[in-house]
Protein backbone atom coordinates (compact mmCIF):
# COMPACT_ATOMS: atom_id res chain seq x y z
CA MET A 1 37.24 -31.16 0.68
CA PRO A 2 36.91 -28.36 3.27
CA SER A 3 37.92 -29.19 6.83
CA PRO A 4 34.98 -30.09 9.08
CA PRO A 5 34.05 -27.84 11.97
CA SER A 6 35.18 -28.73 15.46
CA PRO A 7 33.12 -31.50 17.09
CA GLN A 8 29.95 -30.31 18.74
CA LEU A 9 30.00 -32.37 21.93
CA SER A 10 27.93 -32.40 25.10
CA PRO A 11 29.72 -30.99 28.17
CA GLN A 12 29.33 -34.28 30.07
CA PRO A 13 32.55 -36.33 30.16
CA SER A 14 32.82 -39.68 28.43
CA PRO A 15 32.68 -42.64 30.84
CA LEU A 16 35.81 -44.02 29.11
CA PRO A 17 39.28 -42.90 30.24
CA ASP A 18 41.15 -40.30 28.22
CA HIS A 19 43.32 -40.33 26.12
CA SER A 20 44.91 -42.32 23.29
CA ALA A 21 48.50 -41.54 24.33
CA ALA A 22 47.88 -44.07 27.10
CA ILE A 23 48.55 -46.95 24.70
CA ALA A 24 52.24 -45.97 24.72
CA ALA A 25 53.78 -47.50 27.85
CA PRO A 26 56.42 -45.50 29.77
CA GLY A 27 59.82 -46.34 28.33
CA GLY A 28 58.28 -47.63 25.08
CA GLY A 29 56.09 -50.53 24.11
CA LEU A 30 52.37 -51.03 23.67
CA ARG A 31 50.00 -50.87 26.63
CA PHE A 32 46.65 -52.60 26.25
CA GLY A 33 43.45 -50.81 27.17
CA ARG A 34 40.49 -48.80 25.93
CA VAL A 35 40.62 -44.99 25.96
CA THR A 36 39.16 -41.98 24.18
CA GLY A 37 40.89 -39.50 21.90
CA ARG A 38 42.50 -39.47 18.49
CA LEU A 39 45.46 -41.82 18.01
CA HIS A 40 48.75 -40.13 17.04
CA HIS A 41 51.13 -43.02 17.81
CA ASP A 42 52.13 -45.57 15.17
CA PRO A 43 51.20 -48.88 16.84
CA LEU A 44 53.64 -50.79 14.65
CA ARG A 45 56.50 -48.95 16.39
CA LEU A 46 55.15 -49.90 19.81
CA GLY A 47 53.87 -53.45 19.55
CA PRO A 48 55.77 -56.76 19.32
CA ARG A 49 57.27 -57.42 15.88
CA ARG A 50 56.05 -61.01 15.56
CA GLY A 51 53.72 -61.61 12.57
CA ARG A 52 52.73 -59.66 9.47
CA ALA A 53 51.69 -56.04 9.81
CA ARG A 54 48.25 -55.06 8.51
CA ARG A 55 46.29 -51.83 8.66
CA TRP A 56 43.23 -50.29 7.07
CA LEU A 57 40.88 -47.34 6.99
CA TYR A 58 37.17 -47.82 6.36
CA ALA A 59 34.52 -45.11 6.29
CA ALA A 60 30.81 -45.15 5.48
CA THR A 61 27.80 -42.85 5.49
CA GLY A 62 24.06 -43.44 5.36
CA GLY A 63 20.83 -41.50 5.20
CA ARG A 64 17.52 -41.08 3.44
CA THR A 65 16.80 -39.13 0.28
CA ALA A 66 13.97 -36.63 -0.02
CA ASP A 67 11.89 -39.25 -1.83
CA GLY A 68 12.38 -41.79 0.98
CA ARG A 69 15.09 -44.08 -0.40
CA THR A 70 17.71 -45.49 1.95
CA VAL A 71 21.29 -44.72 0.89
CA VAL A 72 24.37 -46.35 2.41
CA ALA A 73 27.82 -45.90 0.87
CA GLY A 74 31.37 -46.58 1.97
CA ALA A 75 34.94 -47.34 1.00
CA ALA A 76 38.14 -48.81 2.44
CA VAL A 77 41.82 -49.32 1.71
CA VAL A 78 43.59 -52.29 3.33
CA ALA A 79 47.38 -52.81 3.46
CA MET A 80 48.63 -56.38 4.03
CA GLY A 81 52.38 -56.42 3.67
CA PRO A 82 53.16 -55.73 -0.01
CA VAL A 83 49.50 -56.14 -1.08
CA LEU A 84 46.82 -53.45 -1.02
CA VAL A 85 43.09 -54.11 -1.32
CA ALA A 86 40.50 -51.40 -1.98
CA PHE A 87 36.73 -51.49 -2.17
CA ALA A 88 33.80 -49.12 -2.47
CA TYR A 89 30.05 -49.62 -2.49
CA ALA A 90 26.79 -47.74 -2.68
CA THR A 91 23.29 -49.02 -1.95
CA ILE A 92 20.45 -46.82 -3.20
CA GLY A 93 17.06 -48.28 -2.38
CA THR A 94 17.44 -51.90 -3.48
CA THR A 95 20.27 -51.29 -5.97
CA THR A 96 23.82 -52.04 -4.83
CA ALA A 97 26.95 -51.15 -6.82
CA THR A 98 30.35 -52.48 -5.74
CA PHE A 99 33.99 -52.03 -6.69
CA ASP A 100 36.89 -54.26 -5.60
CA ALA A 101 40.57 -54.03 -6.54
CA ARG A 102 43.96 -55.20 -5.34
CA SER A 103 47.52 -54.32 -6.27
CA THR A 104 51.07 -54.18 -5.01
CA ARG A 105 52.28 -51.06 -3.25
CA ALA A 106 52.91 -48.04 -5.47
CA PRO A 107 52.89 -44.24 -5.16
CA GLY A 108 49.34 -43.08 -4.43
CA ARG A 109 48.34 -46.38 -2.81
CA THR A 110 48.74 -46.23 0.93
CA VAL A 111 47.16 -46.40 4.38
CA GLY A 112 48.54 -43.94 6.93
CA ARG A 113 50.50 -45.33 9.87
CA THR A 114 48.23 -43.27 12.11
CA PRO A 115 44.62 -42.16 11.46
CA PRO A 116 45.57 -38.59 10.43
CA GLY A 117 47.45 -40.14 7.48
CA GLY A 118 44.18 -41.16 5.82
CA ALA A 119 44.23 -43.61 2.91
CA ARG A 120 44.48 -43.48 -0.88
CA PHE A 121 44.21 -45.92 -3.75
CA ASP A 122 44.86 -44.46 -7.21
CA THR A 123 45.09 -46.33 -10.50
CA ARG A 124 44.44 -45.38 -14.12
CA THR A 125 40.74 -46.22 -13.72
CA ALA A 126 39.96 -45.77 -10.03
CA HIS A 127 40.43 -43.23 -7.25
CA LEU A 128 39.65 -43.67 -3.55
CA GLY A 129 40.58 -41.12 -0.88
CA LEU A 130 39.63 -41.29 2.80
CA THR A 131 40.46 -38.78 5.53
CA VAL A 132 40.83 -39.02 9.30
CA ASP A 133 37.33 -37.64 9.99
CA GLY A 134 35.56 -40.16 7.73
CA SER A 135 35.16 -38.01 4.62
CA ILE A 136 35.32 -39.98 1.36
CA GLU A 137 36.10 -39.30 -2.31
CA VAL A 138 35.51 -42.15 -4.77
CA GLU A 139 35.50 -42.42 -8.55
CA VAL A 140 35.37 -46.06 -9.66
CA PRO A 141 33.81 -48.32 -12.29
CA THR A 142 31.13 -50.82 -11.22
CA ALA A 143 28.92 -53.34 -13.00
CA GLN A 144 26.06 -50.81 -12.59
CA GLY A 145 28.05 -47.99 -14.19
CA ALA A 146 30.49 -45.34 -13.01
CA LEU A 147 30.21 -44.49 -9.31
CA ALA A 148 31.27 -41.07 -8.01
CA LEU A 149 30.90 -40.62 -4.26
CA ARG A 150 31.60 -37.59 -2.08
CA THR A 151 30.92 -37.49 1.65
CA ARG A 152 31.90 -34.67 4.00
CA THR A 153 31.85 -34.92 7.78
CA THR A 154 30.00 -31.90 9.17
CA SER A 155 30.22 -32.71 12.91
CA ASP A 156 32.70 -35.19 14.36
CA VAL A 157 32.57 -37.34 17.50
CA LEU A 158 35.03 -38.36 20.21
CA PRO A 159 36.83 -41.49 18.94
CA VAL A 160 37.62 -44.57 21.01
CA VAL A 161 40.99 -46.34 20.80
CA LEU A 162 41.30 -50.00 21.79
CA ALA A 163 44.66 -51.79 22.08
CA THR A 164 44.26 -55.50 22.72
CA PRO A 165 45.86 -58.90 22.35
CA THR A 166 44.26 -61.24 19.81
CA PRO A 167 43.19 -64.82 20.58
CA GLY A 168 46.12 -66.43 18.72
CA GLY A 169 48.93 -64.40 20.26
CA GLY A 170 48.95 -61.33 18.01
CA TRP A 171 47.77 -57.82 18.82
CA ASN A 172 45.45 -55.19 17.42
CA VAL A 173 44.95 -51.43 17.79
CA THR A 174 41.81 -49.80 16.44
CA GLU A 175 40.28 -46.32 16.48
CA LYS A 176 36.51 -46.34 16.07
CA ALA A 177 34.01 -43.51 15.70
CA ALA A 178 30.29 -43.53 14.84
CA GLY A 179 27.43 -41.08 14.86
CA THR A 180 29.05 -38.24 12.95
CA GLY A 181 27.03 -35.73 10.98
CA ALA A 182 27.68 -35.87 7.25
CA ALA A 183 26.63 -34.69 3.81
CA LEU A 184 26.56 -37.21 0.98
CA GLU A 185 26.49 -36.82 -2.79
CA LEU A 186 26.81 -39.66 -5.27
CA THR A 187 26.32 -40.33 -8.94
CA LEU A 188 25.73 -43.82 -10.26
CA SER A 189 25.55 -44.31 -14.01
CA GLY A 190 24.61 -40.64 -14.44
CA ALA A 191 21.84 -40.62 -11.81
CA GLN A 192 22.49 -38.20 -8.94
CA VAL A 193 21.57 -38.72 -5.27
CA ALA A 194 22.15 -36.35 -2.35
CA VAL A 195 21.53 -36.53 1.41
CA ALA A 196 22.25 -33.30 3.27
CA ASP A 197 21.67 -34.71 6.78
CA ALA A 198 23.46 -38.06 6.71
CA HIS A 199 25.24 -40.09 9.41
CA GLY A 200 28.72 -41.60 9.36
CA TRP A 201 30.95 -44.22 10.99
CA ARG A 202 34.58 -45.23 10.51
CA ASP A 203 37.28 -47.74 11.48
CA TRP A 204 41.06 -47.29 11.43
CA THR A 205 42.97 -50.44 12.46
CA SER A 206 46.63 -51.44 12.66
CA GLY A 207 48.39 -54.43 14.14
CA ARG A 208 49.87 -57.86 13.76
CA GLN A 209 46.67 -59.87 13.93
CA ASP A 210 46.46 -63.65 13.95
CA ARG A 211 47.24 -65.46 10.69
CA ARG A 212 43.70 -66.84 10.71
CA THR A 213 41.17 -64.34 12.01
CA THR A 214 37.39 -64.47 12.08
CA TRP A 215 35.09 -61.71 13.18
CA ARG A 216 31.52 -60.49 13.23
CA TRP A 217 30.88 -56.80 13.15
CA ALA A 218 27.95 -54.40 13.33
CA ALA A 219 28.15 -50.66 12.78
CA GLY A 220 25.88 -47.79 11.92
CA ALA A 221 24.65 -44.33 12.70
CA GLY A 222 21.40 -42.40 12.76
CA PRO A 223 18.93 -40.57 14.99
CA ASP A 224 16.93 -41.71 17.98
CA LYS A 225 13.36 -40.58 18.49
CA GLY A 226 14.57 -37.76 20.73
CA GLY A 227 16.75 -36.31 17.97
CA ARG A 228 20.13 -37.41 19.38
CA ARG A 229 22.79 -38.56 16.94
CA ILE A 230 23.53 -42.20 17.73
CA GLY A 231 26.49 -44.31 16.62
CA LEU A 232 27.01 -48.06 17.01
CA ASN A 233 30.07 -50.31 16.85
CA ALA A 234 30.02 -53.95 17.96
CA SER A 235 32.40 -56.80 17.22
CA THR A 236 33.30 -60.35 18.20
CA GLY A 237 36.30 -62.49 17.29
CA MET A 238 39.01 -59.99 16.39
CA ASN A 239 40.01 -58.95 19.89
CA GLY A 240 41.00 -61.22 22.74
CA ALA A 241 40.61 -58.81 25.66
CA ALA A 242 37.62 -58.64 27.97
CA GLN A 243 37.55 -54.91 27.21
CA GLY A 244 36.17 -54.98 23.68
CA GLU A 245 34.87 -52.56 21.10
CA ASP A 246 31.13 -52.76 21.81
CA LEU A 247 30.35 -49.06 21.95
CA LEU A 248 27.50 -46.58 21.66
CA TRP A 249 27.89 -42.87 20.84
CA ALA A 250 25.17 -40.38 21.80
CA ASP A 251 25.59 -36.82 20.53
CA GLY A 252 29.29 -37.43 19.99
CA LEU A 253 30.22 -39.03 23.31
CA PRO A 254 31.03 -42.76 23.58
CA GLN A 255 30.10 -45.23 26.27
CA PRO A 256 30.61 -48.99 26.65
CA LEU A 257 27.73 -51.15 25.41
CA ASP A 258 26.88 -54.40 27.18
CA LEU A 259 25.98 -57.00 24.51
CA HIS A 260 25.45 -60.75 24.56
CA ARG A 261 24.43 -61.43 20.95
CA LEU A 262 25.71 -60.30 17.54
CA ALA A 263 24.64 -62.81 14.90
CA PRO A 264 22.48 -63.47 11.85
CA VAL A 265 18.88 -64.39 12.58
CA ASP A 266 19.34 -67.56 10.51
CA ALA A 267 22.41 -69.32 11.93
CA ASP A 268 22.94 -71.12 8.61
CA ALA A 269 22.95 -67.96 6.48
CA THR A 270 25.12 -64.92 7.27
CA GLY A 271 23.34 -62.86 4.62
CA GLY A 272 19.98 -61.29 5.38
CA ALA A 273 18.67 -60.17 8.76
CA TRP A 274 20.98 -59.81 11.78
CA GLN A 275 20.42 -59.14 15.49
CA VAL A 276 22.27 -57.21 18.19
CA ARG A 277 21.07 -57.87 21.74
CA GLY A 278 21.96 -56.69 25.24
CA PRO A 279 20.42 -54.89 28.24
CA GLY A 280 18.43 -52.02 26.71
CA THR A 281 19.66 -52.97 23.22
CA ARG A 282 17.43 -54.74 20.75
CA LEU A 283 18.46 -54.04 17.16
CA ASP A 284 17.45 -55.84 13.97
CA LEU A 285 19.12 -55.22 10.62
CA VAL A 286 16.64 -54.84 7.76
CA PRO A 287 18.89 -55.37 4.71
CA THR A 288 18.42 -53.49 1.44
CA GLY A 289 21.65 -54.69 -0.19
CA GLU A 290 24.68 -56.90 0.32
CA ARG A 291 28.39 -57.21 -0.40
CA SER A 292 29.88 -60.69 -0.43
CA ARG A 293 33.04 -62.20 -1.83
CA ARG A 294 35.30 -65.21 -1.51
CA GLU A 295 38.78 -64.69 -2.81
CA GLU A 296 42.01 -66.66 -2.69
CA LEU A 297 45.26 -64.88 -3.59
CA GLY A 298 47.91 -67.52 -3.01
CA PRO A 299 48.13 -67.94 0.79
CA ILE A 300 45.66 -65.08 1.39
CA VAL A 301 41.96 -65.93 1.77
CA SER A 302 39.15 -63.43 2.26
CA ASP A 303 35.62 -64.77 2.66
CA TYR A 304 32.94 -62.36 3.83
CA THR A 305 29.27 -61.45 3.69
CA GLN A 306 28.18 -57.91 4.54
CA PRO A 307 24.44 -57.11 4.57
CA ILE A 308 23.71 -53.38 4.21
CA GLY A 309 20.60 -51.56 5.38
CA GLN A 310 19.02 -50.21 8.56
CA TRP A 311 19.33 -51.21 12.20
CA ARG A 312 15.92 -50.69 13.82
CA GLY A 313 15.01 -51.10 17.46
CA THR A 314 16.25 -49.70 20.76
CA VAL A 315 19.49 -48.73 22.52
CA PRO A 316 20.04 -47.55 26.12
CA GLY A 317 18.59 -44.07 26.55
CA PRO A 318 19.73 -41.16 28.73
CA ALA A 319 17.29 -42.02 31.53
CA GLY A 320 18.21 -45.70 31.57
CA THR A 321 15.16 -46.66 29.51
CA PRO A 322 15.41 -47.98 25.92
CA ALA A 323 15.42 -45.32 23.21
CA ALA A 324 14.01 -46.09 19.76
CA VAL A 325 16.51 -45.67 16.91
CA GLU A 326 16.87 -46.11 13.17
CA LEU A 327 20.52 -46.51 12.21
CA PHE A 328 21.87 -46.77 8.69
CA GLY A 329 24.55 -49.42 8.74
CA VAL A 330 26.05 -52.81 8.05
CA ALA A 331 26.74 -56.23 9.52
CA GLU A 332 29.64 -58.48 8.58
CA ASP A 333 30.78 -62.08 8.91
CA HIS A 334 34.42 -62.41 7.82
CA LEU A 335 37.10 -65.08 7.62
CA ALA A 336 40.59 -63.79 6.80
CA VAL A 337 43.65 -65.98 6.31
CA TRP A 338 46.30 -63.35 5.76
């Protein structure tokens, strides 16, 4: 894919400190904190060596077709010691196609030790490739037919890097970005779909997280009523620091987001509608599809539900008043024993 243009960012500075080199403490070691900028340090060389190393790259894009259908598509590659897991999905209207695979390490199956390394998962029947800016190439089989997905980031944003301890004594480093401009093309079982003005979000993570980890996550991107590109990332459970990864991007620049609720509307069912709440933030996920899976691979357990659709509501606006938004995105409730 061609390289994306340089980020088109507002001249105002981000309210978060710059830059990601700050996670490397003087004299070596990992320094906890939240900063902006692209991460070029390998956290596994900085952080304590206790526990299993894990890292992943996830990217997704959403938008609306000319005939009004919502499209959300994404992919990820996850490295857990000698095991790699890959998945891809596409929701078109109310149709969702998914692909899941796992394997041992082999040439062509990797997650970069830093975000610029991207991620790949190649087998005889499947290909996934993800790049540092959130662009995706996928060719995989699904129960709904062959899925071919191409997304290209057309305008990037300023990422945020968070280095934090985890509740059980491990540690985690993540680079998040949301609200990118993107172009999306996909083919599912021969039917073609394209969205020229789409919106993207991504997550690169590396660390030695707790053996048993639970998290809830919300992410998405789209426009507000004033035409700004908005990106959302919110999470509970993974990180143990007070400085978390609840963030809002507006026209490429990130700012902390004050939230007090991230949960399904029905406490007994993690599928379906979700809510994100905080001062100036009132978002409701209207799901059009879902990914869910419970899997046990020896000592490894992965149990998750991920509704896919649109976040509708308000986020803090530039004048301090709520701004109406429609974000294409996901929610997730996940238990990992890894």
